[in-house]
Amino acid sequence: MLVSKLKLNTKQFSEAIGVSNGYLAKQRANKANVGSHIIEKIVSVYPEVNLYWLIKGEGSMLREINKKREYQLPDNNFQVGEQSYNLNSSYEVEISKLNTVIVRLAKKNSELEQENEKLRIHRDS
């Protein structure tokens, strides 16, 4: 579903996110979730993918990226509107760490919501 939305084939998508060709097919066949490290890789490689949709399956699959206001330039230059910024590698490391935390917290939130639902069902039965 996501792969076709990105106009890729499974092999291209798998290579881009660094998993074997059969990994995604196996996960789909077993109706299994992918790990947080895979989710992090997907949103790193494809920033247009909506993280909330990827974790919860709710909302829009892709985020709308305003290309007129924000985009990445070569050599770690970042432009917002008319203002350009140069990011050094320490910022990139911090951003990567924060993205990892966001993915973990979103996963934990999903787990807690599922547990809450189980408790609610148990309480009401």
PDB file of N, CA and C in Angstrom:
ATOM      1  N   MET A   1       0.829  -1.183   0.000  1.00  0.00           N
ATOM      2  CA  MET A   1       0.000   0.000   0.000  1.00  0.00           C
ATOM      3  C   MET A   1       0.883   1.260   0.000  1.00  0.00           C
ATOM      4  N   LEU A   2       1.758   1.386   1.005  1.00  0.00           N
ATOM      5  CA  LEU A   2       2.665   2.531   1.068  1.00  0.00           C
ATOM      6  C   LEU A   2       3.628   2.514  -0.103  1.00  0.00           C
ATOM      7  N   VAL A   3       4.129   1.336  -0.429  1.00  0.00           N
ATOM      8  CA  VAL A   3       5.101   1.200  -1.509  1.00  0.00           C
ATOM      9  C   VAL A   3       4.515   1.715  -2.818  1.00  0.00           C
ATOM     10  N   SER A   4       3.297   1.317  -3.129  1.00  0.00           N
ATOM     11  CA  SER A   4       2.682   1.780  -4.372  1.00  0.00           C
ATOM     12  C   SER A   4       2.374   3.276  -4.317  1.00  0.00           C
ATOM     13  N   LYS A   5       2.006   3.773  -3.149  1.00  0.00           N
ATOM     14  CA  LYS A   5       1.727   5.211  -2.997  1.00  0.00           C
ATOM     15  C   LYS A   5       2.991   6.035  -3.272  1.00  0.00           C
ATOM     16  N   LEU A   6       4.152   5.475  -2.909  1.00  0.00           N
ATOM     17  CA  LEU A   6       5.424   6.146  -3.166  1.00  0.00           C
ATOM     18  C   LEU A   6       5.923   5.908  -4.589  1.00  0.00           C
ATOM     19  N   LYS A   7       5.127   5.153  -5.374  1.00  0.00           N
ATOM     20  CA  LYS A   7       5.435   4.836  -6.774  1.00  0.00           C
ATOM     21  C   LYS A   7       6.748   4.056  -6.883  1.00  0.00           C
ATOM     22  N   LEU A   8       6.881   3.048  -6.006  1.00  0.00           N
ATOM     23  CA  LEU A   8       8.045   2.185  -5.992  1.00  0.00           C
ATOM     24  C   LEU A   8       7.593   0.741  -6.091  1.00  0.00           C
ATOM     25  N   ASN A   9       8.545  -0.155  -6.362  1.00  0.00           N
ATOM     26  CA  ASN A   9       8.235  -1.562  -6.209  1.00  0.00           C
ATOM     27  C   ASN A   9       8.831  -2.015  -4.872  1.00  0.00           C
ATOM     28  N   THR A  10       8.467  -3.198  -4.437  1.00  0.00           N
ATOM     29  CA  THR A  10       8.892  -3.684  -3.122  1.00  0.00           C
ATOM     30  C   THR A  10      10.408  -3.768  -3.017  1.00  0.00           C
ATOM     31  N   LYS A  11      11.061  -4.177  -4.088  1.00  0.00           N
ATOM     32  CA  LYS A  11      12.525  -4.291  -4.067  1.00  0.00           C
ATOM     33  C   LYS A  11      13.168  -2.920  -3.857  1.00  0.00           C
ATOM     34  N   GLN A  12      12.707  -1.909  -4.571  1.00  0.00           N
ATOM     35  CA  GLN A  12      13.262  -0.557  -4.421  1.00  0.00           C
ATOM     36  C   GLN A  12      13.065  -0.040  -2.997  1.00  0.00           C
ATOM     37  N   PHE A  13      11.864  -0.234  -2.476  1.00  0.00           N
ATOM     38  CA  PHE A  13      11.546   0.237  -1.129  1.00  0.00           C
ATOM     39  C   PHE A  13      12.397  -0.499  -0.096  1.00  0.00           C
ATOM     40  N   SER A  14      12.500  -1.811  -0.219  1.00  0.00           N
ATOM     41  CA  SER A  14      13.287  -2.613   0.720  1.00  0.00           C
ATOM     42  C   SER A  14      14.748  -2.176   0.728  1.00  0.00           C
ATOM     43  N   GLU A  15      15.314  -1.989  -0.446  1.00  0.00           N
ATOM     44  CA  GLU A  15      16.705  -1.544  -0.539  1.00  0.00           C
ATOM     45  C   GLU A  15      16.889  -0.170   0.088  1.00  0.00           C
ATOM     46  N   ALA A  16      15.944   0.727  -0.156  1.00  0.00           N
ATOM     47  CA  ALA A  16      16.056   2.092   0.360  1.00  0.00           C
ATOM     48  C   ALA A  16      16.047   2.127   1.882  1.00  0.00           C
ATOM     49  N   ILE A  17      15.267   1.239   2.507  1.00  0.00           N
ATOM     50  CA  ILE A  17      15.195   1.253   3.972  1.00  0.00           C
ATOM     51  C   ILE A  17      16.118   0.226   4.609  1.00  0.00           C
ATOM     52  N   GLY A  18      16.869  -0.504   3.786  1.00  0.00           N
ATOM     53  CA  GLY A  18      17.893  -1.405   4.292  1.00  0.00           C
ATOM     54  C   GLY A  18      17.398  -2.725   4.863  1.00  0.00           C
ATOM     55  N   VAL A  19      16.357  -3.294   4.260  1.00  0.00           N
ATOM     56  CA  VAL A  19      15.890  -4.616   4.681  1.00  0.00           C
ATOM     57  C   VAL A  19      15.974  -5.568   3.494  1.00  0.00           C
ATOM     58  N   SER A  20      15.981  -6.863   3.785  1.00  0.00           N
ATOM     59  CA  SER A  20      16.054  -7.850   2.714  1.00  0.00           C
ATOM     60  C   SER A  20      14.765  -7.838   1.889  1.00  0.00           C
ATOM     61  N   ASN A  21      14.856  -8.363   0.682  1.00  0.00           N
ATOM     62  CA  ASN A  21      13.697  -8.375  -0.227  1.00  0.00           C
ATOM     63  C   ASN A  21      12.487  -9.066   0.394  1.00  0.00           C
ATOM     64  N   GLY A  22      12.712 -10.153   1.122  1.00  0.00           N
ATOM     65  CA  GLY A  22      11.600 -10.917   1.667  1.00  0.00           C
ATOM     66  C   GLY A  22      11.070 -10.421   3.002  1.00  0.00           C
ATOM     67  N   TYR A  23      11.761  -9.498   3.643  1.00  0.00           N
ATOM     68  CA  TYR A  23      11.362  -9.053   4.982  1.00  0.00           C
ATOM     69  C   TYR A  23       9.936  -8.497   5.013  1.00  0.00           C
ATOM     70  N   LEU A  24       9.647  -7.575   4.119  1.00  0.00           N
ATOM     71  CA  LEU A  24       8.326  -6.938   4.116  1.00  0.00           C
ATOM     72  C   LEU A  24       7.222  -7.931   3.768  1.00  0.00           C
ATOM     73  N   ALA A  25       7.505  -8.827   2.810  1.00  0.00           N
ATOM     74  CA  ALA A  25       6.508  -9.841   2.438  1.00  0.00           C
ATOM     75  C   ALA A  25       6.226 -10.762   3.618  1.00  0.00           C
ATOM     76  N   LYS A  26       7.271 -11.137   4.333  1.00  0.00           N
ATOM     77  CA  LYS A  26       7.108 -12.001   5.508  1.00  0.00           C
ATOM     78  C   LYS A  26       6.294 -11.301   6.589  1.00  0.00           C
ATOM     79  N   GLN A  27       6.582 -10.047   6.845  1.00  0.00           N
ATOM     80  CA  GLN A  27       5.846  -9.289   7.854  1.00  0.00           C
ATOM     81  C   GLN A  27       4.371  -9.171   7.461  1.00  0.00           C
ATOM     82  N   ARG A  28       4.125  -8.905   6.174  1.00  0.00           N
ATOM     83  CA  ARG A  28       2.750  -8.772   5.686  1.00  0.00           C
ATOM     84  C   ARG A  28       2.013 -10.100   5.795  1.00  0.00           C
ATOM     85  N   ALA A  29       2.667 -11.194   5.395  1.00  0.00           N
ATOM     86  CA  ALA A  29       2.038 -12.521   5.427  1.00  0.00           C
ATOM     87  C   ALA A  29       1.697 -12.939   6.857  1.00  0.00           C
ATOM     88  N   ASN A  30       2.568 -12.593   7.799  1.00  0.00           N
ATOM     89  CA  ASN A  30       2.346 -12.954   9.201  1.00  0.00           C
ATOM     90  C   ASN A  30       1.523 -11.911   9.958  1.00  0.00           C
ATOM     91  N   LYS A  31       1.110 -10.866   9.242  1.00  0.00           N
ATOM     92  CA  LYS A  31       0.391  -9.749   9.859  1.00  0.00           C
ATOM     93  C   LYS A  31       1.140  -9.230  11.090  1.00  0.00           C
ATOM     94  N   ALA A  32       2.458  -9.150  10.935  1.00  0.00           N
ATOM     95  CA  ALA A  32       3.340  -8.734  12.030  1.00  0.00           C
ATOM     96  C   ALA A  32       3.722  -7.270  11.870  1.00  0.00           C
ATOM     97  N   ASN A  33       4.029  -6.652  12.984  1.00  0.00           N
ATOM     98  CA  ASN A  33       4.499  -5.270  12.976  1.00  0.00           C
ATOM     99  C   ASN A  33       5.990  -5.242  12.682  1.00  0.00           C
ATOM    100  N   VAL A  34       6.427  -4.154  12.087  1.00  0.00           N
ATOM    101  CA  VAL A  34       7.863  -3.966  11.904  1.00  0.00           C
ATOM    102  C   VAL A  34       8.407  -3.284  13.153  1.00  0.00           C
ATOM    103  N   GLY A  35       9.695  -3.420  13.385  1.00  0.00           N
ATOM    104  CA  GLY A  35      10.318  -2.821  14.558  1.00  0.00           C
ATOM    105  C   GLY A  35      10.452  -1.314  14.441  1.00  0.00           C
ATOM    106  N   SER A  36      10.688  -0.683  15.570  1.00  0.00           N
ATOM    107  CA  SER A  36      10.826   0.771  15.596  1.00  0.00           C
ATOM    108  C   SER A  36      12.013   1.234  14.761  1.00  0.00           C
ATOM    109  N   HIS A  37      13.065   0.404  14.666  1.00  0.00           N
ATOM    110  CA  HIS A  37      14.219   0.784  13.853  1.00  0.00           C
ATOM    111  C   HIS A  37      13.844   0.853  12.368  1.00  0.00           C
ATOM    112  N   ILE A  38      12.906   0.008  11.937  1.00  0.00           N
ATOM    113  CA  ILE A  38      12.454   0.050  10.547  1.00  0.00           C
ATOM    114  C   ILE A  38      11.575   1.279  10.326  1.00  0.00           C
ATOM    115  N   ILE A  39      10.712   1.578  11.286  1.00  0.00           N
ATOM    116  CA  ILE A  39       9.858   2.766  11.183  1.00  0.00           C
ATOM    117  C   ILE A  39      10.729   4.019  11.099  1.00  0.00           C
ATOM    118  N   GLU A  40      11.751   4.064  11.943  1.00  0.00           N
ATOM    119  CA  GLU A  40      12.662   5.213  11.923  1.00  0.00           C
ATOM    120  C   GLU A  40      13.338   5.352  10.567  1.00  0.00           C
ATOM    121  N   LYS A  41      13.756   4.229  10.009  1.00  0.00           N
ATOM    122  CA  LYS A  41      14.417   4.259   8.707  1.00  0.00           C
ATOM    123  C   LYS A  41      13.454   4.734   7.613  1.00  0.00           C
ATOM    124  N   ILE A  42      12.203   4.255   7.672  1.00  0.00           N
ATOM    125  CA  ILE A  42      11.215   4.661   6.664  1.00  0.00           C
ATOM    126  C   ILE A  42      11.021   6.171   6.680  1.00  0.00           C
ATOM    127  N   VAL A  43      10.806   6.757   7.870  1.00  0.00           N
ATOM    128  CA  VAL A  43      10.562   8.198   7.919  1.00  0.00           C
ATOM    129  C   VAL A  43      11.821   9.000   7.648  1.00  0.00           C
ATOM    130  N   SER A  44      12.998   8.388   7.859  1.00  0.00           N
ATOM    131  CA  SER A  44      14.250   9.077   7.514  1.00  0.00           C
ATOM    132  C   SER A  44      14.428   9.146   5.999  1.00  0.00           C
ATOM    133  N   VAL A  45      14.144   8.021   5.338  1.00  0.00           N
ATOM    134  CA  VAL A  45      14.321   7.954   3.888  1.00  0.00           C
ATOM    135  C   VAL A  45      13.165   8.639   3.158  1.00  0.00           C
ATOM    136  N   TYR A  46      11.958   8.516   3.710  1.00  0.00           N
ATOM    137  CA  TYR A  46      10.762   9.083   3.087  1.00  0.00           C
ATOM    138  C   TYR A  46      10.077  10.037   4.069  1.00  0.00           C
ATOM    139  N   PRO A  47      10.583  11.268   4.206  1.00  0.00           N
ATOM    140  CA  PRO A  47      10.019  12.201   5.194  1.00  0.00           C
ATOM    141  C   PRO A  47       8.574  12.594   4.916  1.00  0.00           C
ATOM    142  N   GLU A  48       8.097  12.326   3.719  1.00  0.00           N
ATOM    143  CA  GLU A  48       6.709  12.650   3.408  1.00  0.00           C
ATOM    144  C   GLU A  48       5.733  11.650   4.027  1.00  0.00           C
ATOM    145  N   VAL A  49       6.246  10.516   4.515  1.00  0.00           N
ATOM    146  CA  VAL A  49       5.375   9.517   5.141  1.00  0.00           C
ATOM    147  C   VAL A  49       4.955  10.028   6.525  1.00  0.00           C
ATOM    148  N   ASN A  50       3.669   9.991   6.763  1.00  0.00           N
ATOM    149  CA  ASN A  50       3.097  10.449   8.027  1.00  0.00           C
ATOM    150  C   ASN A  50       3.398   9.419   9.114  1.00  0.00           C
ATOM    151  N   LEU A  51       4.207   9.793  10.100  1.00  0.00           N
ATOM    152  CA  LEU A  51       4.606   8.879  11.168  1.00  0.00           C
ATOM    153  C   LEU A  51       3.393   8.353  11.924  1.00  0.00           C
ATOM    154  N   TYR A  52       2.406   9.193  12.177  1.00  0.00           N
ATOM    155  CA  TYR A  52       1.209   8.767  12.896  1.00  0.00           C
ATOM    156  C   TYR A  52       0.474   7.683  12.106  1.00  0.00           C
ATOM    157  N   TRP A  53       0.357   7.872  10.803  1.00  0.00           N
ATOM    158  CA  TRP A  53      -0.295   6.856   9.968  1.00  0.00           C
ATOM    159  C   TRP A  53       0.509   5.559   9.992  1.00  0.00           C
ATOM    160  N   LEU A  54       1.838   5.683   9.922  1.00  0.00           N
ATOM    161  CA  LEU A  54       2.696   4.515   9.883  1.00  0.00           C
ATOM    162  C   LEU A  54       2.546   3.675  11.149  1.00  0.00           C
ATOM    163  N   ILE A  55       2.382   4.318  12.286  1.00  0.00           N
ATOM    164  CA  ILE A  55       2.279   3.598  13.556  1.00  0.00           C
ATOM    165  C   ILE A  55       0.846   3.173  13.853  1.00  0.00           C
ATOM    166  N   LYS A  56      -0.094   4.080  13.677  1.00  0.00           N
ATOM    167  CA  LYS A  56      -1.481   3.828  14.065  1.00  0.00           C
ATOM    168  C   LYS A  56      -2.380   3.393  12.920  1.00  0.00           C
ATOM    169  N   GLY A  57      -1.984   3.698  11.676  1.00  0.00           N
ATOM    170  CA  GLY A  57      -2.845   3.381  10.542  1.00  0.00           C
ATOM    171  C   GLY A  57      -4.011   4.340  10.411  1.00  0.00           C
ATOM    172  N   GLU A  58      -3.888   5.485  11.048  1.00  0.00           N
ATOM    173  CA  GLU A  58      -4.961   6.483  11.020  1.00  0.00           C
ATOM    174  C   GLU A  58      -4.452   7.771  10.392  1.00  0.00           C
ATOM    175  N   GLY A  59      -5.356   8.495   9.768  1.00  0.00           N
ATOM    176  CA  GLY A  59      -4.989   9.767   9.153  1.00  0.00           C
ATOM    177  C   GLY A  59      -4.473   9.571   7.739  1.00  0.00           C
ATOM    178  N   SER A  60      -3.838  10.587   7.234  1.00  0.00           N
ATOM    179  CA  SER A  60      -3.329  10.569   5.875  1.00  0.00           C
ATOM    180  C   SER A  60      -2.006   9.815   5.805  1.00  0.00           C
ATOM    181  N   MET A  61      -1.837   9.009   4.783  1.00  0.00           N
ATOM    182  CA  MET A  61      -0.623   8.222   4.629  1.00  0.00           C
ATOM    183  C   MET A  61       0.597   9.122   4.406  1.00  0.00           C
ATOM    184  N   LEU A  62       0.419  10.165   3.632  1.00  0.00           N
ATOM    185  CA  LEU A  62       1.524  11.061   3.318  1.00  0.00           C
ATOM    186  C   LEU A  62       1.244  12.457   3.865  1.00  0.00           C
ATOM    187  N   ARG A  63       2.327  13.081   4.322  1.00  0.00           N
ATOM    188  CA  ARG A  63       2.226  14.465   4.781  1.00  0.00           C
ATOM    189  C   ARG A  63       2.408  15.379   3.582  1.00  0.00           C
ATOM    190  N   GLU A  64       1.760  16.517   3.648  1.00  0.00           N
ATOM    191  CA  GLU A  64       1.955  17.500   2.593  1.00  0.00           C
ATOM    192  C   GLU A  64       3.169  18.331   2.960  1.00  0.00           C
ATOM    193  N   ILE A  65       4.158  18.326   2.091  1.00  0.00           N
ATOM    194  CA  ILE A  65       5.374  19.093   2.343  1.00  0.00           C
ATOM    195  C   ILE A  65       5.325  20.338   1.475  1.00  0.00           C
ATOM    196  N   ASN A  66       5.407  21.483   2.136  1.00  0.00           N
ATOM    197  CA  ASN A  66       5.362  22.755   1.426  1.00  0.00           C
ATOM    198  C   ASN A  66       6.747  23.027   0.862  1.00  0.00           C
ATOM    199  N   LYS A  67       6.946  22.696  -0.400  1.00  0.00           N
ATOM    200  CA  LYS A  67       8.259  22.821  -1.012  1.00  0.00           C
ATOM    201  C   LYS A  67       8.668  24.271  -1.229  1.00  0.00           C
ATOM    202  N   LYS A  68       7.726  25.203  -1.210  1.00  0.00           N
ATOM    203  CA  LYS A  68       8.075  26.601  -1.387  1.00  0.00           C
ATOM    204  C   LYS A  68       8.691  27.191  -0.124  1.00  0.00           C
ATOM    205  N   ARG A  69       8.321  26.663   1.040  1.00  0.00           N
ATOM    206  CA  ARG A  69       8.784  27.253   2.293  1.00  0.00           C
ATOM    207  C   ARG A  69       9.962  26.531   2.918  1.00  0.00           C
ATOM    208  N   GLU A  70      10.095  25.214   2.681  1.00  0.00           N
ATOM    209  CA  GLU A  70      11.102  24.469   3.404  1.00  0.00           C
ATOM    210  C   GLU A  70      11.671  23.352   2.534  1.00  0.00           C
ATOM    211  N   TYR A  71      12.980  23.312   2.408  1.00  0.00           N
ATOM    212  CA  TYR A  71      13.607  22.226   1.674  1.00  0.00           C
ATOM    213  C   TYR A  71      15.079  22.141   2.045  1.00  0.00           C
ATOM    214  N   GLN A  72      15.646  20.966   1.780  1.00  0.00           N
ATOM    215  CA  GLN A  72      17.040  20.692   2.100  1.00  0.00           C
ATOM    216  C   GLN A  72      17.910  21.062   0.908  1.00  0.00           C
ATOM    217  N   LEU A  73      18.990  21.780   1.172  1.00  0.00           N
ATOM    218  CA  LEU A  73      19.944  22.151   0.148  1.00  0.00           C
ATOM    219  C   LEU A  73      21.226  21.344   0.340  1.00  0.00           C
ATOM    220  N   PRO A  74      22.093  21.266  -0.653  1.00  0.00           N
ATOM    221  CA  PRO A  74      23.356  20.537  -0.479  1.00  0.00           C
ATOM    222  C   PRO A  74      24.194  21.133   0.652  1.00  0.00           C
ATOM    223  N   ASP A  75      25.132  20.343   1.148  1.00  0.00           N
ATOM    224  CA  ASP A  75      26.092  20.775   2.168  1.00  0.00           C
ATOM    225  C   ASP A  75      25.441  21.227   3.468  1.00  0.00           C
ATOM    226  N   ASN A  76      24.380  20.567   3.880  1.00  0.00           N
ATOM    227  CA  ASN A  76      23.715  20.828   5.158  1.00  0.00           C
ATOM    228  C   ASN A  76      23.150  22.236   5.290  1.00  0.00           C
ATOM    229  N   ASN A  77      22.871  22.878   4.175  1.00  0.00           N
ATOM    230  CA  ASN A  77      22.198  24.165   4.235  1.00  0.00           C
ATOM    231  C   ASN A  77      20.697  23.913   4.220  1.00  0.00           C
ATOM    232  N   PHE A  78      19.988  24.658   5.018  1.00  0.00           N
ATOM    233  CA  PHE A  78      18.549  24.474   5.143  1.00  0.00           C
ATOM    234  C   PHE A  78      17.904  25.832   4.930  1.00  0.00           C
ATOM    235  N   GLN A  79      16.870  25.871   4.128  1.00  0.00           N
ATOM    236  CA  GLN A  79      16.230  27.136   3.821  1.00  0.00           C
ATOM    237  C   GLN A  79      14.776  27.111   4.238  1.00  0.00           C
ATOM    238  N   VAL A  80      14.359  28.149   4.955  1.00  0.00           N
ATOM    239  CA  VAL A  80      12.964  28.348   5.319  1.00  0.00           C
ATOM    240  C   VAL A  80      12.602  29.738   4.825  1.00  0.00           C
ATOM    241  N   GLY A  81      11.689  29.782   3.853  1.00  0.00           N
ATOM    242  CA  GLY A  81      11.362  31.071   3.254  1.00  0.00           C
ATOM    243  C   GLY A  81      12.601  31.665   2.609  1.00  0.00           C
ATOM    244  N   GLU A  82      12.940  32.872   2.986  1.00  0.00           N
ATOM    245  CA  GLU A  82      14.113  33.543   2.444  1.00  0.00           C
ATOM    246  C   GLU A  82      15.362  33.309   3.285  1.00  0.00           C
ATOM    247  N   GLN A  83      15.207  32.736   4.474  1.00  0.00           N
ATOM    248  CA  GLN A  83      16.323  32.549   5.405  1.00  0.00           C
ATOM    249  C   GLN A  83      17.015  31.206   5.187  1.00  0.00           C
ATOM    250  N   SER A  84      18.343  31.209   5.056  1.00  0.00           N
ATOM    251  CA  SER A  84      19.119  29.976   4.918  1.00  0.00           C
ATOM    252  C   SER A  84      19.892  29.715   6.203  1.00  0.00           C
ATOM    253  N   TYR A  85      20.036  28.442   6.545  1.00  0.00           N
ATOM    254  CA  TYR A  85      20.763  28.035   7.735  1.00  0.00           C
ATOM    255  C   TYR A  85      21.753  26.946   7.351  1.00  0.00           C
ATOM    256  N   ASN A  86      22.879  26.879   8.047  1.00  0.00           N
ATOM    257  CA  ASN A  86      23.844  25.810   7.857  1.00  0.00           C
ATOM    258  C   ASN A  86      23.827  24.945   9.091  1.00  0.00           C
ATOM    259  N   LEU A  87      23.510  23.674   8.912  1.00  0.00           N
ATOM    260  CA  LEU A  87      23.466  22.738  10.026  1.00  0.00           C
ATOM    261  C   LEU A  87      24.774  21.980  10.092  1.00  0.00           C
ATOM    262  N   ASN A  88      25.395  21.967  11.259  1.00  0.00           N
ATOM    263  CA  ASN A  88      26.583  21.129  11.385  1.00  0.00           C
ATOM    264  C   ASN A  88      26.163  19.737  11.808  1.00  0.00           C
ATOM    265  N   SER A  89      27.084  18.814  11.795  1.00  0.00           N
ATOM    266  CA  SER A  89      26.747  17.411  12.025  1.00  0.00           C
ATOM    267  C   SER A  89      26.189  17.163  13.418  1.00  0.00           C
ATOM    268  N   SER A  90      26.556  17.975  14.416  1.00  0.00           N
ATOM    269  CA  SER A  90      26.030  17.731  15.763  1.00  0.00           C
ATOM    270  C   SER A  90      24.516  17.933  15.800  1.00  0.00           C
ATOM    271  N   TYR A  91      24.009  18.885  15.050  1.00  0.00           N
ATOM    272  CA  TYR A  91      22.565  19.073  14.984  1.00  0.00           C
ATOM    273  C   TYR A  91      21.896  17.874  14.326  1.00  0.00           C
ATOM    274  N   GLU A  92      22.525  17.356  13.269  1.00  0.00           N
ATOM    275  CA  GLU A  92      21.959  16.192  12.597  1.00  0.00           C
ATOM    276  C   GLU A  92      21.891  14.994  13.535  1.00  0.00           C
ATOM    277  N   VAL A  93      22.921  14.830  14.353  1.00  0.00           N
ATOM    278  CA  VAL A  93      22.934  13.737  15.323  1.00  0.00           C
ATOM    279  C   VAL A  93      21.807  13.931  16.333  1.00  0.00           C
ATOM    280  N   GLU A  94      21.641  15.144  16.828  1.00  0.00           N
ATOM    281  CA  GLU A  94      20.579  15.430  17.794  1.00  0.00           C
ATOM    282  C   GLU A  94      19.201  15.209  17.179  1.00  0.00           C
ATOM    283  N   ILE A  95      19.024  15.637  15.949  1.00  0.00           N
ATOM    284  CA  ILE A  95      17.746  15.436  15.261  1.00  0.00           C
ATOM    285  C   ILE A  95      17.471  13.946  15.101  1.00  0.00           C
ATOM    286  N   SER A  96      18.483  13.193  14.733  1.00  0.00           N
ATOM    287  CA  SER A  96      18.325  11.747  14.592  1.00  0.00           C
ATOM    288  C   SER A  96      17.937  11.109  15.921  1.00  0.00           C
ATOM    289  N   LYS A  97      18.586  11.538  17.004  1.00  0.00           N
ATOM    290  CA  LYS A  97      18.259  11.016  18.331  1.00  0.00           C
ATOM    291  C   LYS A  97      16.823  11.355  18.705  1.00  0.00           C
ATOM    292  N   LEU A  98      16.410  12.584  18.432  1.00  0.00           N
ATOM    293  CA  LEU A  98      15.038  12.999  18.751  1.00  0.00           C
ATOM    294  C   LEU A  98      14.022  12.219  17.917  1.00  0.00           C
ATOM    295  N   ASN A  99      14.334  11.962  16.656  1.00  0.00           N
ATOM    296  CA  ASN A  99      13.438  11.161  15.825  1.00  0.00           C
ATOM    297  C   ASN A  99      13.288   9.755  16.393  1.00  0.00           C
ATOM    298  N   THR A 100      14.383   9.199  16.897  1.00  0.00           N
ATOM    299  CA  THR A 100      14.339   7.875  17.521  1.00  0.00           C
ATOM    300  C   THR A 100      13.434   7.902  18.747  1.00  0.00           C
ATOM    301  N   VAL A 101      13.567   8.937  19.557  1.00  0.00           N
ATOM    302  CA  VAL A 101      12.725   9.074  20.751  1.00  0.00           C
ATOM    303  C   VAL A 101      11.262   9.202  20.357  1.00  0.00           C
ATOM    304  N   ILE A 102      10.973   9.977  19.331  1.00  0.00           N
ATOM    305  CA  ILE A 102       9.595  10.163  18.866  1.00  0.00           C
ATOM    306  C   ILE A 102       9.001   8.830  18.440  1.00  0.00           C
ATOM    307  N   VAL A 103       9.753   8.042  17.683  1.00  0.00           N
ATOM    308  CA  VAL A 103       9.260   6.736  17.226  1.00  0.00           C
ATOM    309  C   VAL A 103       8.989   5.831  18.417  1.00  0.00           C
ATOM    310  N   ARG A 104       9.925   5.788  19.379  1.00  0.00           N
ATOM    311  CA  ARG A 104       9.737   4.942  20.565  1.00  0.00           C
ATOM    312  C   ARG A 104       8.533   5.381  21.384  1.00  0.00           C
ATOM    313  N   LEU A 105       8.366   6.696  21.565  1.00  0.00           N
ATOM    314  CA  LEU A 105       7.223   7.189  22.335  1.00  0.00           C
ATOM    315  C   LEU A 105       5.903   6.909  21.622  1.00  0.00           C
ATOM    316  N   ALA A 106       5.895   7.050  20.315  1.00  0.00           N
ATOM    317  CA  ALA A 106       4.677   6.755  19.563  1.00  0.00           C
ATOM    318  C   ALA A 106       4.330   5.275  19.675  1.00  0.00           C
ATOM    319  N   LYS A 107       5.335   4.416  19.623  1.00  0.00           N
ATOM    320  CA  LYS A 107       5.099   2.980  19.764  1.00  0.00           C
ATOM    321  C   LYS A 107       4.583   2.672  21.169  1.00  0.00           C
ATOM    322  N   LYS A 108       5.207   3.267  22.191  1.00  0.00           N
ATOM    323  CA  LYS A 108       4.775   3.050  23.571  1.00  0.00           C
ATOM    324  C   LYS A 108       3.341   3.552  23.757  1.00  0.00           C
ATOM    325  N   ASN A 109       3.022   4.687  23.170  1.00  0.00           N
ATOM    326  CA  ASN A 109       1.668   5.232  23.249  1.00  0.00           C
ATOM    327  C   ASN A 109       0.667   4.255  22.644  1.00  0.00           C
ATOM    328  N   SER A 110       1.018   3.674  21.510  1.00  0.00           N
ATOM    329  CA  SER A 110       0.152   2.702  20.860  1.00  0.00           C
ATOM    330  C   SER A 110      -0.050   1.479  21.752  1.00  0.00           C
ATOM    331  N   GLU A 111       1.042   0.999  22.354  1.00  0.00           N
ATOM    332  CA  GLU A 111       0.947  -0.150  23.258  1.00  0.00           C
ATOM    333  C   GLU A 111       0.055   0.163  24.456  1.00  0.00           C
ATOM    334  N   LEU A 112       0.206   1.354  25.020  1.00  0.00           N
ATOM    335  CA  LEU A 112      -0.608   1.747  26.170  1.00  0.00           C
ATOM    336  C   LEU A 112      -2.083   1.884  25.796  1.00  0.00           C
ATOM    337  N   GLU A 113      -2.349   2.397  24.601  1.00  0.00           N
ATOM    338  CA  GLU A 113      -3.730   2.503  24.137  1.00  0.00           C
ATOM    339  C   GLU A 113      -4.356   1.117  23.979  1.00  0.00           C
ATOM    340  N   GLN A 114      -3.584   0.165  23.467  1.00  0.00           N
ATOM    341  CA  GLN A 114      -4.082  -1.203  23.324  1.00  0.00           C
ATOM    342  C   GLN A 114      -4.345  -1.822  24.693  1.00  0.00           C
ATOM    343  N   GLU A 115      -3.442  -1.621  25.627  1.00  0.00           N
ATOM    344  CA  GLU A 115      -3.621  -2.144  26.985  1.00  0.00           C
ATOM    345  C   GLU A 115      -4.839  -1.506  27.649  1.00  0.00           C
ATOM    346  N   ASN A 116      -5.006  -0.219  27.448  1.00  0.00           N
ATOM    347  CA  ASN A 116      -6.154   0.497  27.991  1.00  0.00           C
ATOM    348  C   ASN A 116      -7.453  -0.077  27.429  1.00  0.00           C
ATOM    349  N   GLU A 117      -7.470  -0.380  26.146  1.00  0.00           N
ATOM    350  CA  GLU A 117      -8.658  -0.954  25.516  1.00  0.00           C
ATOM    351  C   GLU A 117      -8.962  -2.336  26.096  1.00  0.00           C
ATOM    352  N   LYS A 118      -7.924  -3.153  26.296  1.00  0.00           N
ATOM    353  CA  LYS A 118      -8.112  -4.468  26.910  1.00  0.00           C
ATOM    354  C   LYS A 118      -8.703  -4.334  28.312  1.00  0.00           C
ATOM    355  N   LEU A 119      -8.177  -3.389  29.081  1.00  0.00           N
ATOM    356  CA  LEU A 119      -8.690  -3.172  30.442  1.00  0.00           C
ATOM    357  C   LEU A 119     -10.144  -2.694  30.415  1.00  0.00           C
ATOM    358  N   ARG A 120     -10.463  -1.841  29.472  1.00  0.00           N
ATOM    359  CA  ARG A 120     -11.824  -1.336  29.325  1.00  0.00           C
ATOM    360  C   ARG A 120     -12.795  -2.483  28.996  1.00  0.00           C
ATOM    361  N   ILE A 121     -12.359  -3.357  28.075  1.00  0.00           N
ATOM    362  CA  ILE A 121     -13.203  -4.518  27.702  1.00  0.00           C
ATOM    363  C   ILE A 121     -13.377  -5.433  28.897  1.00  0.00           C
ATOM    364  N   HIS A 122     -12.290  -5.698  29.615  1.00  0.00           N
ATOM    365  CA  HIS A 122     -12.353  -6.555  30.787  1.00  0.00           C
ATOM    366  C   HIS A 122     -13.289  -5.961  31.860  1.00  0.00           C
ATOM    367  N   ARG A 123     -13.195  -4.662  32.050  1.00  0.00           N
ATOM    368  CA  ARG A 123     -14.021  -3.978  33.038  1.00  0.00           C
ATOM    369  C   ARG A 123     -15.503  -4.057  32.669  1.00  0.00           C
ATOM    370  N   ASP A 124     -15.803  -3.924  31.385  1.00  0.00           N
ATOM    371  CA  ASP A 124     -17.181  -3.907  30.940  1.00  0.00           C
ATOM    372  C   ASP A 124     -17.796  -5.301  30.794  1.00  0.00           C
ATOM    373  N   SER A 125     -16.978  -6.340  30.909  1.00  0.00           N
ATOM    374  CA  SER A 125     -17.532  -7.692  30.736  1.00  0.00           C
ATOM    375  C   SER A 125     -17.965  -8.310  32.061  1.00  0.00           C
TER     376      SER A 125
END
